Amino acid sequence: MNETPPPKFHLDWNLLRTFAVIVQCQGISRAAAALNLTQPAISSALRRLEEQVGHQLIRRGGTVFDVTAEGRLLYRESQEILVRISRINEVLSDTSEEIRGVIKLAVASHVVFPFLDRLLKDFHDKYPNVRYQIEVDKSAHIAESLLMNTVTAGICLVYQEHEKLEYQHFFTEYFGLFCGKEHRYFGQDDIAVKDICKENFVSFQTDQMDDALWPVALMRNQNRMTGKIVGTSPNLEEVRRLITAGIGIGPLPIHSVEVDVERGLLWQLPPYSDTPSVDVYVCTNPSCRYSRAESLFLDFLINSIALLTEEKKKLPQNPKQITT
């Protein structure tokens, strides 16, 4: 008895890409903005894809947005295909003797390291036809991008290592507490930790004991800082904005605010010693099929890091190191 073959359907890759963006953006309107299309166009594309595969992929309506089991399966299986399609240009460029391609970096917002800037410049001087695409993202999202092979490398904090990724220690940064010039403690040298324990606080979203900035959370707990948390952001510039505006005190990488301290926009608060240290890593996916340009860049990056001494990997942790 002959078995009935499964129904055949032809996937439109543009519809599949639109669906992937909808899932990544967690909404029709945000996906429309990301793709520079109208919401009706995005909704229509989703309906057409659902008709092609014969399944509802996303439950939507009002405030409801829920990816179905079929939708999650399609999204997971489609990622490798979409990544390979996106890398076609890089693969074709590898047939040329001239090194061309795109280096896609995903970087945490507070990665400020002059060595990285020089490294990018040196690689550009050596391979001027290679382009950079740099995106700022949360450290957890960077790991996801690496697993989906959508970026060349990530430079971020690591709370928990993933078995499929490789990690290279890049540098150690130290966080101090700061206030803006509108704050009552600005310019005061004679205050102690106990004086600021109940001050309004702003911080990074990962300032949690179970997240990447756990050393900062630990410092707050150990010093019994119980002030009201009045603002959070995943972005260094926005945390800095809240602090300089006088909304509250908060943590910032000491080395990254040197200019702000010198210009009188920020003032460091206690504790001044044993400031929280946070390690930053270069993360890669060894299973990714890199282009020649990407492989050359990663070799250049890893070899350059290997030449750094442990002392040079440690950024300033004392305010006097950056104000004199």
Protein backbone atom coordinates (compact mmCIF):
# COMPACT_ATOMS: atom_id res chain seq x y z
CA MET A 1 0.00 0.00 0.00
CA ASN A 2 1.50 3.31 -1.10
CA GLU A 3 1.85 6.00 1.54
CA THR A 4 0.51 9.44 0.79
CA PRO A 5 3.46 11.81 0.45
CA PRO A 6 3.46 14.87 2.72
CA PRO A 7 2.10 18.04 1.14
CA LYS A 8 4.66 20.22 -0.60
CA PHE A 9 4.93 23.96 -0.23
CA HIS A 10 7.36 26.54 -1.50
CA LEU A 11 8.68 28.99 1.05
CA ASP A 12 9.16 32.61 0.11
CA TRP A 13 12.47 33.56 1.75
CA ASN A 14 11.42 37.21 2.02
CA LEU A 15 8.38 36.14 4.04
CA LEU A 16 10.57 33.93 6.21
CA ARG A 17 12.94 36.81 6.89
CA THR A 18 10.01 39.07 7.78
CA PHE A 19 8.70 36.42 10.17
CA ALA A 20 12.13 36.15 11.83
CA VAL A 21 12.23 39.91 12.40
CA ILE A 22 8.70 39.83 13.87
CA VAL A 23 9.81 37.19 16.38
CA GLN A 24 13.03 39.03 17.21
CA CYS A 25 11.20 42.36 17.67
CA GLN A 26 8.33 40.71 19.57
CA GLY A 27 5.67 42.63 17.69
CA ILE A 28 4.26 43.72 14.34
CA SER A 29 4.76 47.45 14.87
CA ARG A 30 8.38 47.12 16.00
CA ALA A 31 9.13 44.78 13.10
CA ALA A 32 7.59 47.31 10.70
CA ALA A 33 9.87 50.01 12.09
CA ALA A 34 12.93 47.73 11.88
CA LEU A 35 12.21 46.84 8.25
CA ASN A 36 11.01 50.33 7.29
CA LEU A 37 7.66 48.94 6.14
CA THR A 38 4.04 49.60 7.09
CA GLN A 39 2.25 47.51 9.70
CA PRO A 40 -0.34 46.27 7.16
CA ALA A 41 2.49 45.06 4.92
CA ILE A 42 4.05 43.14 7.82
CA SER A 43 0.71 41.65 8.84
CA SER A 44 0.01 40.62 5.24
CA ALA A 45 3.41 38.94 4.94
CA LEU A 46 2.77 36.98 8.13
CA ARG A 47 -0.65 35.81 6.90
CA ARG A 48 0.83 34.69 3.57
CA LEU A 49 3.54 32.71 5.31
CA GLU A 50 1.00 31.05 7.59
CA GLU A 51 -1.02 30.09 4.50
CA GLN A 52 2.10 28.62 2.88
CA VAL A 53 3.05 26.46 5.87
CA GLY A 54 -0.54 25.66 6.88
CA HIS A 55 -0.12 26.63 10.53
CA GLN A 56 -0.74 29.63 12.73
CA LEU A 57 2.69 30.93 13.68
CA ILE A 58 1.82 33.81 16.00
CA ARG A 59 -1.25 34.45 18.14
CA ARG A 60 -1.95 38.16 18.03
CA GLY A 61 -4.68 40.55 18.93
CA GLY A 62 -4.82 43.55 21.23
CA THR A 63 -1.94 43.20 23.68
CA VAL A 64 -1.48 39.49 22.92
CA PHE A 65 1.67 38.40 21.09
CA ASP A 66 2.53 34.74 21.46
CA VAL A 67 4.66 32.61 19.14
CA THR A 68 3.03 29.20 18.71
CA ALA A 69 4.88 25.91 18.99
CA GLU A 70 4.93 25.70 15.17
CA GLY A 71 6.18 29.27 15.00
CA ARG A 72 9.01 28.59 17.43
CA LEU A 73 10.01 25.49 15.46
CA LEU A 74 9.99 27.37 12.15
CA TYR A 75 11.97 30.25 13.64
CA ARG A 76 14.61 27.95 15.09
CA GLU A 77 15.01 25.91 11.91
CA SER A 78 15.05 28.99 9.68
CA GLN A 79 17.84 30.80 11.48
CA GLU A 80 20.72 28.80 10.02
CA ILE A 81 19.21 29.08 6.53
CA LEU A 82 18.77 32.83 6.78
CA VAL A 83 22.27 33.30 8.16
CA ARG A 84 23.76 31.30 5.29
CA ILE A 85 21.81 33.39 2.77
CA SER A 86 23.01 36.59 4.43
CA ARG A 87 26.61 35.36 4.17
CA ILE A 88 26.49 34.68 0.43
CA ASN A 89 28.19 38.00 -0.37
CA GLU A 90 31.02 37.20 2.03
CA VAL A 91 31.45 33.72 0.57
CA LEU A 92 31.57 35.04 -2.99
CA SER A 93 34.04 37.75 -1.99
CA ASP A 94 36.39 35.01 -0.81
CA THR A 95 37.05 34.03 -4.44
CA SER A 96 38.88 37.31 -4.95
CA GLU A 97 42.53 37.77 -4.02
CA GLU A 98 41.60 41.07 -2.38
CA ILE A 99 40.29 40.76 1.17
CA ARG A 100 36.77 42.12 1.34
CA GLY A 101 33.81 41.51 3.59
CA VAL A 102 32.01 42.70 6.69
CA ILE A 103 33.04 42.31 10.33
CA LYS A 104 29.90 42.28 12.45
CA LEU A 105 30.55 43.03 16.10
CA ALA A 106 28.01 43.00 18.92
CA VAL A 107 29.25 45.08 21.84
CA ALA A 108 27.94 45.81 25.32
CA SER A 109 27.23 49.51 25.83
CA HIS A 110 29.93 50.20 28.42
CA VAL A 111 32.81 48.62 26.51
CA VAL A 112 35.30 51.50 26.54
CA PHE A 113 38.84 50.28 25.90
CA PRO A 114 41.42 52.33 23.93
CA PHE A 115 43.24 49.14 22.97
CA LEU A 116 40.16 48.00 21.04
CA ASP A 117 40.03 51.31 19.16
CA ARG A 118 43.68 50.98 18.11
CA LEU A 119 43.14 47.36 17.11
CA LEU A 120 40.25 48.29 14.80
CA LYS A 121 42.35 51.06 13.24
CA ASP A 122 45.35 48.75 12.71
CA PHE A 123 43.19 46.10 11.04
CA HIS A 124 41.56 48.72 8.84
CA ASP A 125 44.97 50.01 7.75
CA LYS A 126 45.96 46.47 6.80
CA TYR A 127 42.68 45.56 5.07
CA PRO A 128 41.04 48.83 3.94
CA ASN A 129 38.30 47.08 1.91
CA VAL A 130 36.86 45.31 4.94
CA ARG A 131 33.87 47.07 6.49
CA TYR A 132 32.65 47.13 10.10
CA GLN A 133 29.10 46.80 11.41
CA ILE A 134 28.95 47.40 15.16
CA GLU A 135 25.76 46.98 17.17
CA VAL A 136 25.26 47.74 20.86
CA ASP A 137 23.22 45.13 22.68
CA LYS A 138 22.67 43.43 26.02
CA SER A 139 25.25 40.80 26.89
CA ALA A 140 22.60 38.05 26.98
CA HIS A 141 21.35 39.02 23.53
CA ILE A 142 24.91 39.01 22.20
CA ALA A 143 25.25 35.36 23.20
CA GLU A 144 22.03 34.59 21.33
CA SER A 145 23.33 36.36 18.22
CA LEU A 146 26.53 34.32 18.37
CA LEU A 147 24.58 31.08 18.65
CA MET A 148 22.54 32.10 15.59
CA ASN A 149 25.76 33.00 13.70
CA THR A 150 24.51 36.50 12.94
CA VAL A 151 27.64 38.27 14.26
CA THR A 152 31.37 37.69 13.88
CA ALA A 153 32.21 38.22 17.55
CA GLY A 154 30.77 39.63 20.73
CA ILE A 155 32.49 41.85 23.28
CA CYS A 156 30.49 41.70 26.47
CA LEU A 157 30.05 40.66 30.07
CA VAL A 158 29.48 37.00 30.82
CA TYR A 159 27.35 35.83 33.73
CA GLN A 160 27.17 32.20 32.65
CA GLU A 161 29.25 30.64 29.88
CA HIS A 162 27.52 28.71 27.10
CA GLU A 163 29.08 25.37 26.17
CA LYS A 164 28.89 26.11 22.43
CA LEU A 165 30.76 29.43 22.65
CA GLU A 166 34.40 30.28 23.29
CA TYR A 167 35.54 33.07 25.61
CA GLN A 168 38.73 35.11 25.70
CA HIS A 169 39.29 37.47 28.63
CA PHE A 170 39.73 40.97 27.19
CA PHE A 171 39.95 43.37 30.12
CA THR A 172 38.72 44.11 33.62
CA GLU A 173 36.83 47.32 34.35
CA TYR A 174 35.99 48.81 37.73
CA PHE A 175 32.74 50.49 38.67
CA GLY A 176 32.48 53.48 40.99
CA LEU A 177 29.45 55.33 42.32
CA PHE A 178 28.88 58.82 40.92
CA CYS A 179 26.52 61.74 41.30
CA GLY A 180 25.82 64.74 39.07
CA LYS A 181 26.53 68.39 39.85
CA GLU A 182 22.89 68.93 40.85
CA HIS A 183 23.21 66.39 43.65
CA ARG A 184 23.70 67.60 47.23
CA TYR A 185 26.87 65.53 47.67
CA PHE A 186 28.60 66.85 44.55
CA GLY A 187 32.06 68.21 45.37
CA GLN A 188 32.10 66.86 48.93
CA ASP A 189 35.15 64.89 50.07
CA ASP A 190 34.11 64.24 53.65
CA ILE A 191 31.22 61.82 53.14
CA ALA A 192 31.14 58.13 53.98
CA VAL A 193 29.24 55.19 52.59
CA LYS A 194 26.69 55.45 55.41
CA ASP A 195 25.81 58.95 54.20
CA ILE A 196 24.63 57.75 50.79
CA CYS A 197 22.92 54.48 51.75
CA LYS A 198 19.39 55.88 51.40
CA GLU A 199 19.97 58.04 48.30
CA ASN A 200 17.85 57.48 45.21
CA PHE A 201 19.65 55.06 42.91
CA VAL A 202 19.87 54.57 39.13
CA SER A 203 21.66 51.69 37.47
CA PHE A 204 21.97 49.20 34.64
CA GLN A 205 19.25 46.60 34.11
CA THR A 206 21.83 43.86 34.69
CA ASP A 207 22.65 45.21 38.17
CA GLN A 208 21.20 42.06 39.77
CA MET A 209 22.70 39.24 41.80
CA ASP A 210 21.71 36.79 39.05
CA ASP A 211 22.98 38.80 36.11
CA ALA A 212 26.17 40.13 34.52
CA LEU A 213 26.68 43.11 36.85
CA TRP A 214 26.32 41.05 40.01
CA PRO A 215 29.52 42.56 41.53
CA VAL A 216 27.78 45.97 41.55
CA ALA A 217 24.67 44.45 43.14
CA LEU A 218 26.88 42.73 45.71
CA MET A 219 28.56 46.04 46.57
CA ARG A 220 25.16 47.64 47.16
CA ASN A 221 24.04 44.75 49.36
CA GLN A 222 27.25 44.64 51.39
CA ASN A 223 27.03 48.39 52.05
CA ARG A 224 23.30 48.19 52.83
CA MET A 225 22.31 50.69 50.17
CA THR A 226 18.55 50.64 50.42
CA GLY A 227 17.72 53.81 48.48
CA LYS A 228 14.82 53.76 46.04
CA ILE A 229 15.72 52.65 42.51
CA VAL A 230 14.31 55.46 40.37
CA GLY A 231 15.74 54.59 36.95
CA THR A 232 17.35 51.79 34.95
CA SER A 233 18.70 51.34 31.44
CA PRO A 234 20.78 48.77 29.53
CA ASN A 235 22.76 51.62 27.99
CA LEU A 236 25.77 53.38 29.51
CA GLU A 237 24.87 56.76 28.03
CA GLU A 238 21.36 56.65 29.48
CA VAL A 239 22.53 55.65 32.96
CA ARG A 240 25.06 58.48 32.74
CA ARG A 241 22.26 60.85 31.65
CA LEU A 242 20.15 59.97 34.70
CA ILE A 243 23.12 60.50 37.02
CA THR A 244 24.28 63.81 35.52
CA ALA A 245 20.67 65.06 35.55
CA GLY A 246 20.57 64.56 39.31
CA ILE A 247 17.91 61.82 39.27
CA GLY A 248 19.99 59.65 41.56
CA ILE A 249 23.43 58.27 42.29
CA GLY A 250 24.63 55.28 40.32
CA PRO A 251 27.46 53.06 39.05
CA LEU A 252 29.61 53.81 36.02
CA PRO A 253 32.90 52.33 34.75
CA ILE A 254 35.53 54.59 36.34
CA HIS A 255 37.74 54.76 33.25
CA SER A 256 34.84 55.70 30.96
CA VAL A 257 33.92 58.94 32.76
CA GLU A 258 37.36 60.55 33.01
CA VAL A 259 36.34 63.52 30.87
CA ASP A 260 33.08 64.00 32.75
CA VAL A 261 34.91 64.09 36.08
CA GLU A 262 37.46 66.59 34.74
CA ARG A 263 34.69 68.81 33.31
CA GLY A 264 32.84 68.88 36.60
CA LEU A 265 29.82 66.94 35.38
CA LEU A 266 30.29 63.92 37.65
CA TRP A 267 31.65 63.41 41.15
CA GLN A 268 32.79 60.07 42.53
CA LEU A 269 31.25 58.90 45.78
CA PRO A 270 32.44 56.26 48.27
CA PRO A 271 33.44 53.51 48.47
CA TYR A 272 36.75 54.48 46.86
CA SER A 273 38.57 51.20 47.51
CA ASP A 274 37.60 47.64 46.63
CA THR A 275 35.38 48.95 43.84
CA PRO A 276 33.42 46.24 41.96
CA SER A 277 35.42 44.62 39.18
CA VAL A 278 33.74 43.25 36.05
CA ASP A 279 35.44 41.11 33.41
CA VAL A 280 34.76 41.76 29.72
CA TYR A 281 35.24 38.97 27.18
CA VAL A 282 35.60 38.46 23.46
CA CYS A 283 33.10 35.73 22.59
CA THR A 284 32.99 33.65 19.41
CA ASN A 285 31.16 30.65 18.01
CA PRO A 286 33.67 27.98 16.85
CA SER A 287 30.98 26.24 14.74
CA CYS A 288 30.40 29.33 12.58
CA ARG A 289 31.69 29.27 8.99
CA TYR A 290 33.58 32.55 8.87
CA SER A 291 34.55 34.40 5.73
CA ARG A 292 38.22 35.07 5.02
CA ALA A 293 37.86 38.63 6.30
CA GLU A 294 36.22 37.43 9.51
CA SER A 295 38.83 34.71 10.07
CA LEU A 296 41.66 37.18 9.55
CA PHE A 297 40.04 39.65 11.94
CA LEU A 298 39.49 37.06 14.67
CA ASP A 299 43.08 35.83 14.36
CA PHE A 300 44.28 39.43 14.54
CA LEU A 301 42.08 40.12 17.57
CA ILE A 302 42.95 36.99 19.55
CA ASN A 303 46.67 37.29 18.81
CA SER A 304 46.65 40.94 19.86
CA ILE A 305 44.91 40.09 23.13
CA ALA A 306 47.52 37.41 23.79
CA LEU A 307 50.20 40.12 23.75
CA LEU A 308 48.45 42.11 26.48
CA THR A 309 49.89 41.72 29.95
CA GLU A 310 47.48 41.11 32.81
CA GLU A 311 48.34 44.54 34.16
CA LYS A 312 47.32 46.23 30.91
CA LYS A 313 44.03 44.34 30.98
CA LYS A 314 43.12 46.05 34.25
CA LEU A 315 41.60 49.48 33.77
CA PRO A 316 41.78 52.29 36.41
CA GLN A 317 40.05 51.49 39.68
CA ASN A 318 41.15 54.52 41.68
CA PRO A 319 39.74 57.98 40.87
CA LYS A 320 43.19 59.49 41.34
CA GLN A 321 44.40 57.42 38.41
CA ILE A 322 42.14 59.34 36.04
CA THR A 323 42.04 62.84 37.50
CA THR A 324 45.75 63.62 37.71
